[in-house]
Amino acid sequence: MSSLDSLTKLTRGGNIIEASVTGFLVTVTREDLVPVALRKNLTLDDLVGTKVLLHLPQMNLEVSGVIARTKFIGKKGFELGVDYTEDAPEYWRECLVDLLPAPGELDEH
């Protein structure tokens, strides 16, 4: 995930745990946070309102959105709610949600 405003890489990775036609709920570990200032905080509230670009490597797709909310979830890291309604038409968003892999679908055995 990268900031569209400053072109700064925010995370090395993350997991989409929920997807809807309005956005994604992404979990990010503290270790995946790139800026040192973010890794040292117990909150990522400074990121709310940040325009971001998410790269979904399994689909070779990039989706832009805005971080709408953040939540500290203890040792697991953080949850980021990303709203992507501004830059994508509703039909496209509905298709994306239908095409997203189910949990575990892309895990290697």
C-alpha atoms as a PDB file:
ATOM      1  CA  MET A   1       0.000   0.000   0.000  1.00  0.00           C
ATOM      2  CA  SER A   2       1.382   3.398  -0.993  1.00  0.00           C
ATOM      3  CA  SER A   3       0.293   6.978  -0.407  1.00  0.00           C
ATOM      4  CA  LEU A   4      -0.915   8.617  -3.613  1.00  0.00           C
ATOM      5  CA  ASP A   5      -0.210  12.093  -2.264  1.00  0.00           C
ATOM      6  CA  SER A   6       3.441  11.644  -1.301  1.00  0.00           C
ATOM      7  CA  LEU A   7       4.195   8.443  -3.281  1.00  0.00           C
ATOM      8  CA  THR A   8       5.514   6.977  -0.012  1.00  0.00           C
ATOM      9  CA  LYS A   9       5.267   3.240   0.521  1.00  0.00           C
ATOM     10  CA  LEU A  10       3.202   2.719   3.685  1.00  0.00           C
ATOM     11  CA  THR A  11       3.181  -1.078   3.983  1.00  0.00           C
ATOM     12  CA  ARG A  12       5.102  -4.027   2.587  1.00  0.00           C
ATOM     13  CA  GLY A  13       2.001  -6.186   2.701  1.00  0.00           C
ATOM     14  CA  GLY A  14      -1.297  -6.883   4.355  1.00  0.00           C
ATOM     15  CA  ASN A  15      -4.321  -9.160   4.215  1.00  0.00           C
ATOM     16  CA  ILE A  16      -7.783  -8.285   2.997  1.00  0.00           C
ATOM     17  CA  ILE A  17     -10.072  -9.796   5.618  1.00  0.00           C
ATOM     18  CA  GLU A  18     -13.324  -8.296   4.327  1.00  0.00           C
ATOM     19  CA  ALA A  19     -14.312  -6.893   0.961  1.00  0.00           C
ATOM     20  CA  SER A  20     -17.453  -5.130  -0.136  1.00  0.00           C
ATOM     21  CA  VAL A  21     -18.585  -2.893  -2.979  1.00  0.00           C
ATOM     22  CA  THR A  22     -17.511   0.117  -0.919  1.00  0.00           C
ATOM     23  CA  GLY A  23     -14.141  -0.942   0.430  1.00  0.00           C
ATOM     24  CA  PHE A  24     -11.688  -3.309   2.012  1.00  0.00           C
ATOM     25  CA  LEU A  25     -10.815  -4.117   5.594  1.00  0.00           C
ATOM     26  CA  VAL A  26      -7.085  -4.807   5.613  1.00  0.00           C
ATOM     27  CA  THR A  27      -4.938  -6.129   8.457  1.00  0.00           C
ATOM     28  CA  VAL A  28      -1.339  -4.983   8.621  1.00  0.00           C
ATOM     29  CA  THR A  29       1.310  -6.168  11.063  1.00  0.00           C
ATOM     30  CA  ARG A  30       3.600  -3.660  12.721  1.00  0.00           C
ATOM     31  CA  GLU A  31       6.525  -5.275  10.865  1.00  0.00           C
ATOM     32  CA  ASP A  32       4.821  -4.569   7.508  1.00  0.00           C
ATOM     33  CA  LEU A  33       4.661  -0.823   8.199  1.00  0.00           C
ATOM     34  CA  VAL A  34       7.427   0.924   6.262  1.00  0.00           C
ATOM     35  CA  PRO A  35       7.730   4.387   7.900  1.00  0.00           C
ATOM     36  CA  VAL A  36       9.489   4.075  11.261  1.00  0.00           C
ATOM     37  CA  ALA A  37       7.175   6.721  12.744  1.00  0.00           C
ATOM     38  CA  LEU A  38       4.155   4.466  12.067  1.00  0.00           C
ATOM     39  CA  ARG A  39       5.825   1.380  13.560  1.00  0.00           C
ATOM     40  CA  LYS A  40       6.509   3.223  16.823  1.00  0.00           C
ATOM     41  CA  ASN A  41       2.882   4.345  17.392  1.00  0.00           C
ATOM     42  CA  LEU A  42      -0.065   2.532  18.926  1.00  0.00           C
ATOM     43  CA  THR A  43      -2.381   4.293  16.507  1.00  0.00           C
ATOM     44  CA  LEU A  44      -2.456   4.907  12.780  1.00  0.00           C
ATOM     45  CA  ASP A  45      -5.092   7.638  13.053  1.00  0.00           C
ATOM     46  CA  ASP A  46      -2.754  10.033  11.212  1.00  0.00           C
ATOM     47  CA  LEU A  47      -3.420   7.959   8.074  1.00  0.00           C
ATOM     48  CA  VAL A  48      -7.195   8.580   8.084  1.00  0.00           C
ATOM     49  CA  GLY A  49      -8.038  10.574   4.969  1.00  0.00           C
ATOM     50  CA  THR A  50      -4.872   9.482   3.143  1.00  0.00           C
ATOM     51  CA  LYS A  51      -5.360   8.548  -0.510  1.00  0.00           C
ATOM     52  CA  VAL A  52      -3.718   5.178  -1.099  1.00  0.00           C
ATOM     53  CA  LEU A  53      -2.963   2.720  -3.860  1.00  0.00           C
ATOM     54  CA  LEU A  54      -3.335  -0.973  -3.038  1.00  0.00           C
ATOM     55  CA  HIS A  55      -1.583  -3.554  -5.186  1.00  0.00           C
ATOM     56  CA  LEU A  56      -3.340  -6.932  -5.343  1.00  0.00           C
ATOM     57  CA  PRO A  57      -0.566  -9.162  -6.751  1.00  0.00           C
ATOM     58  CA  GLN A  58      -2.744 -12.280  -7.112  1.00  0.00           C
ATOM     59  CA  MET A  59      -4.974 -10.361  -9.537  1.00  0.00           C
ATOM     60  CA  ASN A  60      -2.249  -8.096 -10.982  1.00  0.00           C
ATOM     61  CA  LEU A  61      -4.485  -5.151 -10.098  1.00  0.00           C
ATOM     62  CA  GLU A  62      -4.090  -1.778  -8.426  1.00  0.00           C
ATOM     63  CA  VAL A  63      -6.991  -0.129  -6.616  1.00  0.00           C
ATOM     64  CA  SER A  64      -7.002   3.419  -5.286  1.00  0.00           C
ATOM     65  CA  GLY A  65      -8.965   4.513  -2.260  1.00  0.00           C
ATOM     66  CA  VAL A  66      -8.959   6.533   0.938  1.00  0.00           C
ATOM     67  CA  ILE A  67      -8.171   5.238   4.423  1.00  0.00           C
ATOM     68  CA  ALA A  68     -11.472   5.788   6.211  1.00  0.00           C
ATOM     69  CA  ARG A  69     -10.598   4.326   9.618  1.00  0.00           C
ATOM     70  CA  THR A  70      -7.881   2.536  11.555  1.00  0.00           C
ATOM     71  CA  LYS A  71      -7.906   0.292  14.603  1.00  0.00           C
ATOM     72  CA  PHE A  72      -5.160  -1.153  16.777  1.00  0.00           C
ATOM     73  CA  ILE A  73      -5.791  -4.893  17.230  1.00  0.00           C
ATOM     74  CA  GLY A  74      -3.019  -5.751  19.671  1.00  0.00           C
ATOM     75  CA  LYS A  75      -0.211  -8.117  18.732  1.00  0.00           C
ATOM     76  CA  LYS A  76      -1.863  -8.782  15.372  1.00  0.00           C
ATOM     77  CA  GLY A  77      -1.195  -5.184  14.322  1.00  0.00           C
ATOM     78  CA  PHE A  78      -3.769  -2.866  12.818  1.00  0.00           C
ATOM     79  CA  GLU A  79      -6.952  -2.874  10.776  1.00  0.00           C
ATOM     80  CA  LEU A  80      -7.311  -0.308   8.009  1.00  0.00           C
ATOM     81  CA  GLY A  81     -10.669   0.438   6.440  1.00  0.00           C
ATOM     82  CA  VAL A  82     -10.103   1.568   2.847  1.00  0.00           C
ATOM     83  CA  ASP A  83     -12.984   3.165   0.924  1.00  0.00           C
ATOM     84  CA  TYR A  84     -12.564   2.875  -2.837  1.00  0.00           C
ATOM     85  CA  THR A  85     -15.917   4.247  -4.028  1.00  0.00           C
ATOM     86  CA  GLU A  86     -14.615   7.614  -5.234  1.00  0.00           C
ATOM     87  CA  ASP A  87     -12.526   6.349  -8.159  1.00  0.00           C
ATOM     88  CA  ALA A  88     -14.493   3.313  -9.327  1.00  0.00           C
ATOM     89  CA  PRO A  89     -18.013   2.953 -10.750  1.00  0.00           C
ATOM     90  CA  GLU A  90     -20.403   0.742  -8.795  1.00  0.00           C
ATOM     91  CA  TYR A  91     -20.601  -1.942 -11.497  1.00  0.00           C
ATOM     92  CA  TRP A  92     -16.794  -2.303 -11.529  1.00  0.00           C
ATOM     93  CA  ARG A  93     -16.733  -2.553  -7.730  1.00  0.00           C
ATOM     94  CA  GLU A  94     -19.416  -5.262  -7.769  1.00  0.00           C
ATOM     95  CA  CYS A  95     -17.424  -7.241 -10.340  1.00  0.00           C
ATOM     96  CA  LEU A  96     -14.221  -6.886  -8.315  1.00  0.00           C
ATOM     97  CA  VAL A  97     -15.842  -8.272  -5.177  1.00  0.00           C
ATOM     98  CA  ASP A  98     -17.214 -11.217  -7.185  1.00  0.00           C
ATOM     99  CA  LEU A  99     -13.752 -11.954  -8.626  1.00  0.00           C
ATOM    100  CA  LEU A 100     -11.757 -11.711  -5.400  1.00  0.00           C
ATOM    101  CA  PRO A 101     -10.398 -15.075  -4.282  1.00  0.00           C
ATOM    102  CA  ALA A 102     -12.103 -16.698  -1.320  1.00  0.00           C
ATOM    103  CA  PRO A 103     -10.064 -17.017   1.897  1.00  0.00           C
ATOM    104  CA  GLY A 104      -7.529 -19.824   1.426  1.00  0.00           C
ATOM    105  CA  GLU A 105      -8.197 -20.128  -2.295  1.00  0.00           C
ATOM    106  CA  LEU A 106      -4.704 -18.955  -3.250  1.00  0.00           C
ATOM    107  CA  ASP A 107      -2.820 -20.662  -0.412  1.00  0.00           C
ATOM    108  CA  GLU A 108      -0.135 -23.031  -1.610  1.00  0.00           C
ATOM    109  CA  HIS A 109      -0.445 -26.643  -0.467  1.00  0.00           C
END
